């Protein structure tokens, strides 16, 4: 395994675990640790966001250029994730099963739209 892949793996696992644990802490009222969960989740997000520049640096590639396509792609990803998350909340927290599934599917479709935007169609 190459060093860049190993570092990416370790950072992604740590960031993903911290983010998931923070989400559980924040969303489960029985635990009573919402503020700690928000902090833990935020640390996980920061680690996950740090993977990109670290990986690009290890590959010897320049940092990401901020242009219209990069900003639009990021906004589409954020919108898709938020819509998907709202659908999950509708099902699991607010007991709105069918509307939550519909909203979640719309979020999945938005996230799937990232593939042709990033890779293009042939």
PDB file of N, CA and C in Angstrom:
ATOM      1  N   UNK A   1       0.845  -1.173   0.000  1.00  0.00           N
ATOM      2  CA  UNK A   1       0.000   0.000   0.000  1.00  0.00           C
ATOM      3  C   UNK A   1       0.891   1.236   0.000  1.00  0.00           C
ATOM      4  N   UNK A   2       0.558   2.172  -0.857  1.00  0.00           N
ATOM      5  CA  UNK A   2       1.344   3.398  -0.919  1.00  0.00           C
ATOM      6  C   UNK A   2       1.054   4.271   0.289  1.00  0.00           C
ATOM      7  N   UNK A   3       2.051   5.099   0.633  1.00  0.00           N
ATOM      8  CA  UNK A   3       1.945   5.948   1.807  1.00  0.00           C
ATOM      9  C   UNK A   3       0.741   6.891   1.715  1.00  0.00           C
ATOM     10  N   UNK A   4       0.488   7.483   0.538  1.00  0.00           N
ATOM     11  CA  UNK A   4      -0.625   8.428   0.404  1.00  0.00           C
ATOM     12  C   UNK A   4      -1.964   7.729   0.622  1.00  0.00           C
ATOM     13  N   UNK A   5      -2.080   6.476   0.171  1.00  0.00           N
ATOM     14  CA  UNK A   5      -3.320   5.730   0.385  1.00  0.00           C
ATOM     15  C   UNK A   5      -3.504   5.374   1.858  1.00  0.00           C
ATOM     16  N   UNK A   6      -2.413   5.026   2.521  1.00  0.00           N
ATOM     17  CA  UNK A   6      -2.487   4.687   3.945  1.00  0.00           C
ATOM     18  C   UNK A   6      -2.885   5.898   4.780  1.00  0.00           C
ATOM     19  N   UNK A   7      -2.270   7.044   4.504  1.00  0.00           N
ATOM     20  CA  UNK A   7      -2.599   8.261   5.244  1.00  0.00           C
ATOM     21  C   UNK A   7      -4.049   8.663   5.003  1.00  0.00           C
ATOM     22  N   UNK A   8      -4.499   8.554   3.750  1.00  0.00           N
ATOM     23  CA  UNK A   8      -5.885   8.866   3.427  1.00  0.00           C
ATOM     24  C   UNK A   8      -6.829   7.924   4.164  1.00  0.00           C
ATOM     25  N   UNK A   9      -6.500   6.645   4.205  1.00  0.00           N
ATOM     26  CA  UNK A   9      -7.314   5.650   4.895  1.00  0.00           C
ATOM     27  C   UNK A   9      -7.436   5.978   6.380  1.00  0.00           C
ATOM     28  N   UNK A  10      -6.310   6.238   7.023  1.00  0.00           N
ATOM     29  CA  UNK A  10      -6.314   6.508   8.465  1.00  0.00           C
ATOM     30  C   UNK A  10      -7.100   7.785   8.772  1.00  0.00           C
ATOM     31  N   UNK A  11      -6.832   8.853   8.024  1.00  0.00           N
ATOM     32  CA  UNK A  11      -7.539  10.111   8.279  1.00  0.00           C
ATOM     33  C   UNK A  11      -9.037   9.966   8.027  1.00  0.00           C
ATOM     34  N   UNK A  12      -9.410   9.249   6.990  1.00  0.00           N
ATOM     35  CA  UNK A  12     -10.824   9.069   6.667  1.00  0.00           C
ATOM     36  C   UNK A  12     -11.537   8.247   7.726  1.00  0.00           C
ATOM     37  N   UNK A  13     -10.900   7.198   8.212  1.00  0.00           N
ATOM     38  CA  UNK A  13     -11.522   6.366   9.240  1.00  0.00           C
ATOM     39  C   UNK A  13     -11.694   7.155  10.529  1.00  0.00           C
ATOM     40  N   UNK A  14     -10.659   7.863  10.949  1.00  0.00           N
ATOM     41  CA  UNK A  14     -10.748   8.644  12.191  1.00  0.00           C
ATOM     42  C   UNK A  14     -11.811   9.735  12.054  1.00  0.00           C
ATOM     43  N   UNK A  15     -11.777  10.465  10.951  1.00  0.00           N
ATOM     44  CA  UNK A  15     -12.763  11.516  10.741  1.00  0.00           C
ATOM     45  C   UNK A  15     -14.180  10.979  10.655  1.00  0.00           C
ATOM     46  N   UNK A  16     -14.361   9.859   9.950  1.00  0.00           N
ATOM     47  CA  UNK A  16     -15.686   9.265   9.823  1.00  0.00           C
ATOM     48  C   UNK A  16     -16.229   8.762  11.152  1.00  0.00           C
ATOM     49  N   UNK A  17     -15.369   8.139  11.950  1.00  0.00           N
ATOM     50  CA  UNK A  17     -15.808   7.646  13.260  1.00  0.00           C
ATOM     51  C   UNK A  17     -16.174   8.805  14.171  1.00  0.00           C
ATOM     52  N   UNK A  18     -15.347   9.844  14.205  1.00  0.00           N
ATOM     53  CA  UNK A  18     -15.665  10.995  15.051  1.00  0.00           C
ATOM     54  C   UNK A  18     -16.955  11.678  14.601  1.00  0.00           C
ATOM     55  N   UNK A  19     -17.142  11.808  13.296  1.00  0.00           N
ATOM     56  CA  UNK A  19     -18.360  12.439  12.790  1.00  0.00           C
ATOM     57  C   UNK A  19     -19.586  11.594  13.135  1.00  0.00           C
ATOM     58  N   UNK A  20     -19.509  10.292  12.914  1.00  0.00           N
ATOM     59  CA  UNK A  20     -20.646   9.418  13.216  1.00  0.00           C
ATOM     60  C   UNK A  20     -20.953   9.394  14.715  1.00  0.00           C
ATOM     61  N   UNK A  21     -19.922   9.321  15.537  1.00  0.00           N
ATOM     62  CA  UNK A  21     -20.133   9.331  16.976  1.00  0.00           C
ATOM     63  C   UNK A  21     -20.742  10.662  17.418  1.00  0.00           C
ATOM     64  N   UNK A  22     -20.259  11.757  16.847  1.00  0.00           N
ATOM     65  CA  UNK A  22     -20.821  13.063  17.180  1.00  0.00           C
ATOM     66  C   UNK A  22     -22.274  13.179  16.782  1.00  0.00           C
ATOM     67  N   UNK A  23     -22.625  12.625  15.613  1.00  0.00           N
ATOM     68  CA  UNK A  23     -24.028  12.644  15.187  1.00  0.00           C
ATOM     69  C   UNK A  23     -24.895  11.840  16.149  1.00  0.00           C
ATOM     70  N   UNK A  24     -24.413  10.674  16.566  1.00  0.00           N
ATOM     71  CA  UNK A  24     -25.168   9.867  17.527  1.00  0.00           C
ATOM     72  C   UNK A  24     -25.331  10.605  18.846  1.00  0.00           C
ATOM     73  N   UNK A  25     -24.249  11.221  19.307  1.00  0.00           N
ATOM     74  CA  UNK A  25     -24.310  11.954  20.570  1.00  0.00           C
ATOM     75  C   UNK A  25     -25.299  13.114  20.483  1.00  0.00           C
ATOM     76  N   UNK A  26     -25.331  13.785  19.346  1.00  0.00           N
ATOM     77  CA  UNK A  26     -26.197  14.959  19.209  1.00  0.00           C
ATOM     78  C   UNK A  26     -27.661  14.579  18.986  1.00  0.00           C
ATOM     79  N   UNK A  27     -27.906  13.463  18.330  1.00  0.00           N
ATOM     80  CA  UNK A  27     -29.278  13.121  17.943  1.00  0.00           C
ATOM     81  C   UNK A  27     -29.986  12.170  18.900  1.00  0.00           C
ATOM     82  N   UNK A  28     -29.278  11.589  19.838  1.00  0.00           N
ATOM     83  CA  UNK A  28     -29.926  10.692  20.799  1.00  0.00           C
ATOM     84  C   UNK A  28     -30.118  11.421  22.129  1.00  0.00           C
ATOM     85  N   UNK A  29     -31.332  11.891  22.382  1.00  0.00           N
ATOM     86  CA  UNK A  29     -31.553  12.667  23.610  1.00  0.00           C
ATOM     87  C   UNK A  29     -31.330  11.851  24.888  1.00  0.00           C
ATOM     88  N   UNK A  30     -31.407  10.519  24.787  1.00  0.00           N
ATOM     89  CA  UNK A  30     -31.186   9.687  25.970  1.00  0.00           C
ATOM     90  C   UNK A  30     -29.759   9.826  26.503  1.00  0.00           C
ATOM     91  N   UNK A  31     -28.829  10.129  25.621  1.00  0.00           N
ATOM     92  CA  UNK A  31     -27.440  10.256  26.049  1.00  0.00           C
ATOM     93  C   UNK A  31     -27.182  11.576  26.770  1.00  0.00           C
ATOM     94  N   UNK A  32     -27.928  12.620  26.426  1.00  0.00           N
ATOM     95  CA  UNK A  32     -27.795  13.910  27.091  1.00  0.00           C
ATOM     96  C   UNK A  32     -26.463  14.615  26.862  1.00  0.00           C
ATOM     97  N   UNK A  33     -25.853  14.426  25.713  1.00  0.00           N
ATOM     98  CA  UNK A  33     -24.550  15.045  25.435  1.00  0.00           C
ATOM     99  C   UNK A  33     -24.568  15.751  24.081  1.00  0.00           C
ATOM    100  N   UNK A  34     -25.593  16.549  23.836  1.00  0.00           N
ATOM    101  CA  UNK A  34     -25.735  17.175  22.528  1.00  0.00           C
ATOM    102  C   UNK A  34     -24.569  18.125  22.219  1.00  0.00           C
ATOM    103  N   UNK A  35     -24.189  18.978  23.174  1.00  0.00           N
ATOM    104  CA  UNK A  35     -23.105  19.929  22.915  1.00  0.00           C
ATOM    105  C   UNK A  35     -21.790  19.199  22.639  1.00  0.00           C
ATOM    106  N   UNK A  36     -21.501  18.171  23.420  1.00  0.00           N
ATOM    107  CA  UNK A  36     -20.286  17.389  23.183  1.00  0.00           C
ATOM    108  C   UNK A  36     -20.344  16.692  21.832  1.00  0.00           C
ATOM    109  N   UNK A  37     -21.540  16.252  21.440  1.00  0.00           N
ATOM    110  CA  UNK A  37     -21.706  15.607  20.150  1.00  0.00           C
ATOM    111  C   UNK A  37     -21.455  16.551  18.992  1.00  0.00           C
ATOM    112  N   UNK A  38     -21.914  17.781  19.132  1.00  0.00           N
ATOM    113  CA  UNK A  38     -21.675  18.774  18.089  1.00  0.00           C
ATOM    114  C   UNK A  38     -20.181  19.038  17.943  1.00  0.00           C
ATOM    115  N   UNK A  39     -19.478  19.158  19.055  1.00  0.00           N
ATOM    116  CA  UNK A  39     -18.030  19.391  19.007  1.00  0.00           C
ATOM    117  C   UNK A  39     -17.318  18.187  18.388  1.00  0.00           C
ATOM    118  N   UNK A  40     -17.693  16.989  18.798  1.00  0.00           N
ATOM    119  CA  UNK A  40     -17.064  15.779  18.257  1.00  0.00           C
ATOM    120  C   UNK A  40     -17.323  15.652  16.760  1.00  0.00           C
ATOM    121  N   UNK A  41     -18.559  15.902  16.343  1.00  0.00           N
ATOM    122  CA  UNK A  41     -18.887  15.859  14.922  1.00  0.00           C
ATOM    123  C   UNK A  41     -18.132  16.901  14.128  1.00  0.00           C
ATOM    124  N   UNK A  42     -17.982  18.099  14.699  1.00  0.00           N
ATOM    125  CA  UNK A  42     -17.247  19.159  14.007  1.00  0.00           C
ATOM    126  C   UNK A  42     -15.777  18.791  13.837  1.00  0.00           C
ATOM    127  N   UNK A  43     -15.183  18.175  14.861  1.00  0.00           N
ATOM    128  CA  UNK A  43     -13.791  17.728  14.748  1.00  0.00           C
ATOM    129  C   UNK A  43     -13.668  16.674  13.645  1.00  0.00           C
ATOM    130  N   UNK A  44     -14.646  15.769  13.569  1.00  0.00           N
ATOM    131  CA  UNK A  44     -14.641  14.769  12.507  1.00  0.00           C
ATOM    132  C   UNK A  44     -14.730  15.390  11.129  1.00  0.00           C
ATOM    133  N   UNK A  45     -15.581  16.409  10.975  1.00  0.00           N
ATOM    134  CA  UNK A  45     -15.716  17.093   9.686  1.00  0.00           C
ATOM    135  C   UNK A  45     -14.412  17.786   9.312  1.00  0.00           C
ATOM    136  N   UNK A  46     -13.765  18.424  10.277  1.00  0.00           N
ATOM    137  CA  UNK A  46     -12.495  19.108   9.999  1.00  0.00           C
ATOM    138  C   UNK A  46     -11.442  18.100   9.529  1.00  0.00           C
ATOM    139  N   UNK A  47     -11.377  16.952  10.179  1.00  0.00           N
ATOM    140  CA  UNK A  47     -10.413  15.926   9.763  1.00  0.00           C
ATOM    141  C   UNK A  47     -10.738  15.434   8.361  1.00  0.00           C
ATOM    142  N   UNK A  48     -12.030  15.198   8.084  1.00  0.00           N
ATOM    143  CA  UNK A  48     -12.418  14.741   6.754  1.00  0.00           C
ATOM    144  C   UNK A  48     -12.112  15.790   5.684  1.00  0.00           C
ATOM    145  N   UNK A  49     -12.306  17.066   6.005  1.00  0.00           N
ATOM    146  CA  UNK A  49     -11.974  18.121   5.045  1.00  0.00           C
ATOM    147  C   UNK A  49     -10.467  18.256   4.856  1.00  0.00           C
ATOM    148  N   UNK A  50      -9.701  17.930   5.882  1.00  0.00           N
ATOM    149  CA  UNK A  50      -8.239  18.019   5.780  1.00  0.00           C
ATOM    150  C   UNK A  50      -7.657  16.918   4.906  1.00  0.00           C
ATOM    151  N   UNK A  51      -8.416  15.866   4.650  1.00  0.00           N
ATOM    152  CA  UNK A  51      -7.935  14.772   3.808  1.00  0.00           C
ATOM    153  C   UNK A  51      -7.601  15.282   2.405  1.00  0.00           C
ATOM    154  N   UNK A  52      -8.434  16.170   1.878  1.00  0.00           N
ATOM    155  CA  UNK A  52      -8.257  16.628   0.493  1.00  0.00           C
ATOM    156  C   UNK A  52      -6.915  17.343   0.297  1.00  0.00           C
ATOM    157  N   UNK A  53      -6.603  18.392   1.070  1.00  0.00           N
ATOM    158  CA  UNK A  53      -5.306  19.040   0.827  1.00  0.00           C
ATOM    159  C   UNK A  53      -4.109  18.150   1.157  1.00  0.00           C
ATOM    160  N   UNK A  54      -4.239  17.301   2.168  1.00  0.00           N
ATOM    161  CA  UNK A  54      -3.129  16.405   2.503  1.00  0.00           C
ATOM    162  C   UNK A  54      -2.874  15.436   1.357  1.00  0.00           C
ATOM    163  N   UNK A  55      -3.939  14.860   0.818  1.00  0.00           N
ATOM    164  CA  UNK A  55      -3.793  13.902  -0.292  1.00  0.00           C
ATOM    165  C   UNK A  55      -3.200  14.581  -1.525  1.00  0.00           C
ATOM    166  N   UNK A  56      -3.699  15.770  -1.851  1.00  0.00           N
ATOM    167  CA  UNK A  56      -3.179  16.480  -3.031  1.00  0.00           C
ATOM    168  C   UNK A  56      -1.711  16.847  -2.839  1.00  0.00           C
ATOM    169  N   UNK A  57      -1.322  17.219  -1.632  1.00  0.00           N
ATOM    170  CA  UNK A  57       0.079  17.553  -1.357  1.00  0.00           C
ATOM    171  C   UNK A  57       0.965  16.316  -1.517  1.00  0.00           C
ATOM    172  N   UNK A  58       0.479  15.163  -1.041  1.00  0.00           N
ATOM    173  CA  UNK A  58       1.267  13.935  -1.147  1.00  0.00           C
ATOM    174  C   UNK A  58       1.376  13.458  -2.593  1.00  0.00           C
ATOM    175  N   UNK A  59       0.406  13.804  -3.428  1.00  0.00           N
ATOM    176  CA  UNK A  59       0.460  13.444  -4.846  1.00  0.00           C
ATOM    177  C   UNK A  59       1.273  14.444  -5.660  1.00  0.00           C
ATOM    178  N   UNK A  60       1.667  15.558  -5.036  1.00  0.00           N
ATOM    179  CA  UNK A  60       2.427  16.574  -5.743  1.00  0.00           C
ATOM    180  C   UNK A  60       1.566  17.427  -6.665  1.00  0.00           C
ATOM    181  N   UNK A  61       0.276  17.433  -6.417  1.00  0.00           N
ATOM    182  CA  UNK A  61      -0.643  18.214  -7.239  1.00  0.00           C
ATOM    183  C   UNK A  61      -0.932  19.540  -6.541  1.00  0.00           C
ATOM    184  N   UNK A  62      -1.299  20.562  -7.304  1.00  0.00           N
ATOM    185  CA  UNK A  62      -1.610  21.850  -6.679  1.00  0.00           C
ATOM    186  C   UNK A  62      -2.925  21.780  -5.902  1.00  0.00           C
ATOM    187  N   UNK A  63      -3.101  22.735  -5.015  1.00  0.00           N
ATOM    188  CA  UNK A  63      -4.345  22.809  -4.265  1.00  0.00           C
ATOM    189  C   UNK A  63      -5.506  23.081  -5.214  1.00  0.00           C
ATOM    190  N   UNK A  64      -6.700  22.851  -4.765  1.00  0.00           N
ATOM    191  CA  UNK A  64      -7.889  23.007  -5.607  1.00  0.00           C
ATOM    192  C   UNK A  64      -8.078  24.476  -5.962  1.00  0.00           C
ATOM    193  N   UNK A  65      -8.271  24.738  -7.243  1.00  0.00           N
ATOM    194  CA  UNK A  65      -8.530  26.094  -7.705  1.00  0.00           C
ATOM    195  C   UNK A  65     -10.018  26.393  -7.530  1.00  0.00           C
ATOM    196  N   UNK A  66     -10.313  27.559  -7.001  1.00  0.00           N
ATOM    197  CA  UNK A  66     -11.712  27.946  -6.821  1.00  0.00           C
ATOM    198  C   UNK A  66     -12.204  28.618  -8.096  1.00  0.00           C
ATOM    199  N   UNK A  67     -12.977  27.880  -8.869  1.00  0.00           N
ATOM    200  CA  UNK A  67     -13.617  28.440 -10.045  1.00  0.00           C
ATOM    201  C   UNK A  67     -15.114  28.151  -9.943  1.00  0.00           C
ATOM    202  N   UNK A  68     -15.863  28.550 -10.935  1.00  0.00           N
ATOM    203  CA  UNK A  68     -17.303  28.383 -10.904  1.00  0.00           C
ATOM    204  C   UNK A  68     -17.731  26.930 -10.813  1.00  0.00           C
ATOM    205  N   UNK A  69     -17.050  26.047 -11.544  1.00  0.00           N
ATOM    206  CA  UNK A  69     -17.421  24.631 -11.534  1.00  0.00           C
ATOM    207  C   UNK A  69     -17.156  24.015 -10.165  1.00  0.00           C
ATOM    208  N   UNK A  70     -16.031  24.337  -9.550  1.00  0.00           N
ATOM    209  CA  UNK A  70     -15.712  23.772  -8.233  1.00  0.00           C
ATOM    210  C   UNK A  70     -16.713  24.238  -7.182  1.00  0.00           C
ATOM    211  N   UNK A  71     -17.063  25.510  -7.217  1.00  0.00           N
ATOM    212  CA  UNK A  71     -18.023  26.043  -6.248  1.00  0.00           C
ATOM    213  C   UNK A  71     -19.409  25.444  -6.478  1.00  0.00           C
ATOM    214  N   UNK A  72     -19.830  25.344  -7.739  1.00  0.00           N
ATOM    215  CA  UNK A  72     -21.130  24.751  -8.057  1.00  0.00           C
ATOM    216  C   UNK A  72     -21.199  23.292  -7.658  1.00  0.00           C
ATOM    217  N   UNK A  73     -20.122  22.551  -7.889  1.00  0.00           N
ATOM    218  CA  UNK A  73     -20.072  21.146  -7.511  1.00  0.00           C
ATOM    219  C   UNK A  73     -20.171  20.998  -5.993  1.00  0.00           C
ATOM    220  N   UNK A  74     -19.455  21.824  -5.263  1.00  0.00           N
ATOM    221  CA  UNK A  74     -19.512  21.777  -3.802  1.00  0.00           C
ATOM    222  C   UNK A  74     -20.914  22.115  -3.306  1.00  0.00           C
ATOM    223  N   UNK A  75     -21.530  23.126  -3.886  1.00  0.00           N
ATOM    224  CA  UNK A  75     -22.883  23.497  -3.471  1.00  0.00           C
ATOM    225  C   UNK A  75     -23.889  22.394  -3.776  1.00  0.00           C
ATOM    226  N   UNK A  76     -23.739  21.721  -4.922  1.00  0.00           N
ATOM    227  CA  UNK A  76     -24.628  20.605  -5.256  1.00  0.00           C
ATOM    228  C   UNK A  76     -24.454  19.464  -4.255  1.00  0.00           C
ATOM    229  N   UNK A  77     -23.220  19.172  -3.886  1.00  0.00           N
ATOM    230  CA  UNK A  77     -22.972  18.134  -2.894  1.00  0.00           C
ATOM    231  C   UNK A  77     -23.543  18.481  -1.532  1.00  0.00           C
ATOM    232  N   UNK A  78     -23.376  19.730  -1.127  1.00  0.00           N
ATOM    233  CA  UNK A  78     -23.913  20.174   0.163  1.00  0.00           C
ATOM    234  C   UNK A  78     -25.437  20.104   0.147  1.00  0.00           C
ATOM    235  N   UNK A  79     -26.053  20.595  -0.934  1.00  0.00           N
ATOM    236  CA  UNK A  79     -27.511  20.570  -1.041  1.00  0.00           C
ATOM    237  C   UNK A  79     -28.034  19.133  -1.011  1.00  0.00           C
ATOM    238  N   UNK A  80     -27.394  18.239  -1.763  1.00  0.00           N
ATOM    239  CA  UNK A  80     -27.814  16.840  -1.775  1.00  0.00           C
ATOM    240  C   UNK A  80     -27.708  16.194  -0.406  1.00  0.00           C
ATOM    241  N   UNK A  81     -26.614  16.470   0.301  1.00  0.00           N
ATOM    242  CA  UNK A  81     -26.433  15.892   1.633  1.00  0.00           C
ATOM    243  C   UNK A  81     -27.459  16.431   2.620  1.00  0.00           C
ATOM    244  N   UNK A  82     -27.760  17.721   2.525  1.00  0.00           N
ATOM    245  CA  UNK A  82     -28.748  18.309   3.433  1.00  0.00           C
ATOM    246  C   UNK A  82     -30.133  17.745   3.155  1.00  0.00           C
ATOM    247  N   UNK A  83     -30.516  17.655   1.879  1.00  0.00           N
ATOM    248  CA  UNK A  83     -31.833  17.106   1.537  1.00  0.00           C
ATOM    249  C   UNK A  83     -31.927  15.648   1.988  1.00  0.00           C
ATOM    250  N   UNK A  84     -30.879  14.873   1.766  1.00  0.00           N
ATOM    251  CA  UNK A  84     -30.858  13.481   2.206  1.00  0.00           C
ATOM    252  C   UNK A  84     -30.986  13.398   3.728  1.00  0.00           C
ATOM    253  N   UNK A  85     -30.264  14.254   4.448  1.00  0.00           N
ATOM    254  CA  UNK A  85     -30.331  14.271   5.904  1.00  0.00           C
ATOM    255  C   UNK A  85     -31.693  14.674   6.424  1.00  0.00           C
ATOM    256  N   UNK A  86     -32.340  15.627   5.762  1.00  0.00           N
ATOM    257  CA  UNK A  86     -33.685  16.027   6.166  1.00  0.00           C
ATOM    258  C   UNK A  86     -34.647  14.857   5.984  1.00  0.00           C
ATOM    259  N   UNK A  87     -34.500  14.114   4.890  1.00  0.00           N
ATOM    260  CA  UNK A  87     -35.330  12.933   4.685  1.00  0.00           C
ATOM    261  C   UNK A  87     -35.132  11.901   5.784  1.00  0.00           C
ATOM    262  N   UNK A  88     -33.869  11.715   6.187  1.00  0.00           N
ATOM    263  CA  UNK A  88     -33.594  10.775   7.281  1.00  0.00           C
ATOM    264  C   UNK A  88     -34.225  11.253   8.582  1.00  0.00           C
ATOM    265  N   UNK A  89     -34.134  12.549   8.862  1.00  0.00           N
ATOM    266  CA  UNK A  89     -34.744  13.097  10.079  1.00  0.00           C
ATOM    267  C   UNK A  89     -36.258  12.952  10.045  1.00  0.00           C
ATOM    268  N   UNK A  90     -36.848  13.162   8.870  1.00  0.00           N
ATOM    269  CA  UNK A  90     -38.295  13.017   8.762  1.00  0.00           C
ATOM    270  C   UNK A  90     -38.730  11.599   9.109  1.00  0.00           C
ATOM    271  N   UNK A  91     -37.947  10.619   8.696  1.00  0.00           N
ATOM    272  CA  UNK A  91     -38.311   9.228   8.972  1.00  0.00           C
ATOM    273  C   UNK A  91     -38.017   8.865  10.421  1.00  0.00           C
ATOM    274  N   UNK A  92     -36.806   9.162  10.892  1.00  0.00           N
ATOM    275  CA  UNK A  92     -36.371   8.643  12.183  1.00  0.00           C
ATOM    276  C   UNK A  92     -36.784   9.498  13.374  1.00  0.00           C
ATOM    277  N   UNK A  93     -36.866  10.809  13.197  1.00  0.00           N
ATOM    278  CA  UNK A  93     -37.125  11.687  14.332  1.00  0.00           C
ATOM    279  C   UNK A  93     -38.571  12.160  14.354  1.00  0.00           C
ATOM    280  N   UNK A  94     -39.073  12.557  13.194  1.00  0.00           N
ATOM    281  CA  UNK A  94     -40.401  13.175  13.144  1.00  0.00           C
ATOM    282  C   UNK A  94     -41.501  12.201  12.771  1.00  0.00           C
ATOM    283  N   UNK A  95     -41.210  10.917  12.605  1.00  0.00           N
ATOM    284  CA  UNK A  95     -42.189   9.868  12.294  1.00  0.00           C
ATOM    285  C   UNK A  95     -43.036  10.177  11.062  1.00  0.00           C
ATOM    286  N   UNK A  96     -42.400  10.682  10.017  1.00  0.00           N
ATOM    287  CA  UNK A  96     -43.077  10.954   8.749  1.00  0.00           C
ATOM    288  C   UNK A  96     -42.463  10.014   7.713  1.00  0.00           C
ATOM    289  N   UNK A  97     -42.937   8.771   7.679  1.00  0.00           N
ATOM    290  CA  UNK A  97     -42.279   7.724   6.914  1.00  0.00           C
ATOM    291  C   UNK A  97     -42.281   7.978   5.410  1.00  0.00           C
ATOM    292  N   UNK A  98     -43.446   8.067   4.788  1.00  0.00           N
ATOM    293  CA  UNK A  98     -43.510   8.186   3.327  1.00  0.00           C
ATOM    294  C   UNK A  98     -42.927   9.506   2.822  1.00  0.00           C
ATOM    295  N   UNK A  99     -43.289  10.672   3.412  1.00  0.00           N
ATOM    296  CA  UNK A  99     -42.657  11.904   2.925  1.00  0.00           C
ATOM    297  C   UNK A  99     -41.143  11.919   3.144  1.00  0.00           C
ATOM    298  N   UNK A 100     -40.698  11.316   4.238  1.00  0.00           N
ATOM    299  CA  UNK A 100     -39.265  11.250   4.504  1.00  0.00           C
ATOM    300  C   UNK A 100     -38.528  10.408   3.489  1.00  0.00           C
ATOM    301  N   UNK A 101     -39.138   9.304   3.083  1.00  0.00           N
ATOM    302  CA  UNK A 101     -38.522   8.460   2.059  1.00  0.00           C
ATOM    303  C   UNK A 101     -38.443   9.212   0.740  1.00  0.00           C
ATOM    304  N   UNK A 102     -39.496   9.947   0.392  1.00  0.00           N
ATOM    305  CA  UNK A 102     -39.499  10.720  -0.859  1.00  0.00           C
ATOM    306  C   UNK A 102     -38.405  11.780  -0.831  1.00  0.00           C
ATOM    307  N   UNK A 103     -38.313  12.517   0.271  1.00  0.00           N
ATOM    308  CA  UNK A 103     -37.277  13.554   0.387  1.00  0.00           C
ATOM    309  C   UNK A 103     -35.890  12.920   0.358  1.00  0.00           C
ATOM    310  N   UNK A 104     -35.712  11.782   1.017  1.00  0.00           N
ATOM    311  CA  UNK A 104     -34.428  11.087   0.996  1.00  0.00           C
ATOM    312  C   UNK A 104     -34.034  10.641  -0.403  1.00  0.00           C
ATOM    313  N   UNK A 105     -35.010  10.152  -1.173  1.00  0.00           N
ATOM    314  CA  UNK A 105     -34.722   9.740  -2.549  1.00  0.00           C
ATOM    315  C   UNK A 105     -34.331  10.946  -3.396  1.00  0.00           C
ATOM    316  N   UNK A 106     -34.971  12.084  -3.170  1.00  0.00           N
ATOM    317  CA  UNK A 106     -34.587  13.304  -3.894  1.00  0.00           C
ATOM    318  C   UNK A 106     -33.139  13.672  -3.551  1.00  0.00           C
ATOM    319  N   UNK A 107     -32.756  13.548  -2.282  1.00  0.00           N
ATOM    320  CA  UNK A 107     -31.375  13.802  -1.878  1.00  0.00           C
ATOM    321  C   UNK A 107     -30.398  12.854  -2.535  1.00  0.00           C
ATOM    322  N   UNK A 108     -30.774  11.578  -2.639  1.00  0.00           N
ATOM    323  CA  UNK A 108     -29.917  10.597  -3.303  1.00  0.00           C
ATOM    324  C   UNK A 108     -29.744  10.951  -4.770  1.00  0.00           C
ATOM    325  N   UNK A 109     -30.830  11.365  -5.414  1.00  0.00           N
ATOM    326  CA  UNK A 109     -30.752  11.751  -6.831  1.00  0.00           C
ATOM    327  C   UNK A 109     -29.830  12.959  -6.997  1.00  0.00           C
ATOM    328  N   UNK A 110     -29.939  13.938  -6.095  1.00  0.00           N
ATOM    329  CA  UNK A 110     -29.037  15.099  -6.171  1.00  0.00           C
ATOM    330  C   UNK A 110     -27.580  14.671  -6.012  1.00  0.00           C
ATOM    331  N   UNK A 111     -27.323  13.753  -5.095  1.00  0.00           N
ATOM    332  CA  UNK A 111     -25.952  13.274  -4.916  1.00  0.00           C
ATOM    333  C   UNK A 111     -25.480  12.471  -6.124  1.00  0.00           C
ATOM    334  N   UNK A 112     -26.375  11.711  -6.735  1.00  0.00           N
ATOM    335  CA  UNK A 112     -26.007  10.972  -7.942  1.00  0.00           C
ATOM    336  C   UNK A 112     -25.706  11.910  -9.106  1.00  0.00           C
ATOM    337  N   UNK A 113     -26.300  13.095  -9.103  1.00  0.00           N
ATOM    338  CA  UNK A 113     -26.023  14.078 -10.156  1.00  0.00           C
ATOM    339  C   UNK A 113     -24.579  14.559 -10.111  1.00  0.00           C
ATOM    340  N   UNK A 114     -23.911  14.343  -8.978  1.00  0.00           N
ATOM    341  CA  UNK A 114     -22.509  14.743  -8.875  1.00  0.00           C
ATOM    342  C   UNK A 114     -21.621  13.940  -9.822  1.00  0.00           C
ATOM    343  N   UNK A 115     -21.991  12.697 -10.098  1.00  0.00           N
ATOM    344  CA  UNK A 115     -21.149  11.846 -10.941  1.00  0.00           C
ATOM    345  C   UNK A 115     -20.973  12.430 -12.337  1.00  0.00           C
ATOM    346  N   UNK A 116     -22.065  12.756 -13.062  1.00  0.00           N
ATOM    347  CA  UNK A 116     -21.836  13.352 -14.399  1.00  0.00           C
ATOM    348  C   UNK A 116     -21.250  14.757 -14.328  1.00  0.00           C
ATOM    349  N   UNK A 117     -21.514  15.478 -13.239  1.00  0.00           N
ATOM    350  CA  UNK A 117     -20.947  16.821 -13.134  1.00  0.00           C
ATOM    351  C   UNK A 117     -19.431  16.745 -12.982  1.00  0.00           C
ATOM    352  N   UNK A 118     -18.950  15.806 -12.171  1.00  0.00           N
ATOM    353  CA  UNK A 118     -17.519  15.709 -11.929  1.00  0.00           C
ATOM    354  C   UNK A 118     -16.801  14.935 -13.037  1.00  0.00           C
ATOM    355  N   UNK A 119     -17.316  13.776 -13.385  1.00  0.00           N
ATOM    356  CA  UNK A 119     -16.643  12.922 -14.370  1.00  0.00           C
ATOM    357  C   UNK A 119     -17.049  13.236 -15.803  1.00  0.00           C
ATOM    358  N   UNK A 120     -18.238  13.772 -15.998  1.00  0.00           N
ATOM    359  CA  UNK A 120     -18.723  14.036 -17.352  1.00  0.00           C
ATOM    360  C   UNK A 120     -19.346  12.807 -17.965  1.00  0.00           C
ATOM    361  N   UNK A 121     -20.023  13.009 -19.074  1.00  0.00           N
ATOM    362  CA  UNK A 121     -20.655  11.902 -19.800  1.00  0.00           C
ATOM    363  C   UNK A 121     -19.867  11.609 -21.062  1.00  0.00           C
ATOM    364  N   UNK A 122     -19.777  10.344 -21.425  1.00  0.00           N
ATOM    365  CA  UNK A 122     -19.053   9.970 -22.637  1.00  0.00           C
ATOM    366  C   UNK A 122     -20.001   9.427 -23.659  1.00  0.00           C
TER     367      UNK A 122
END
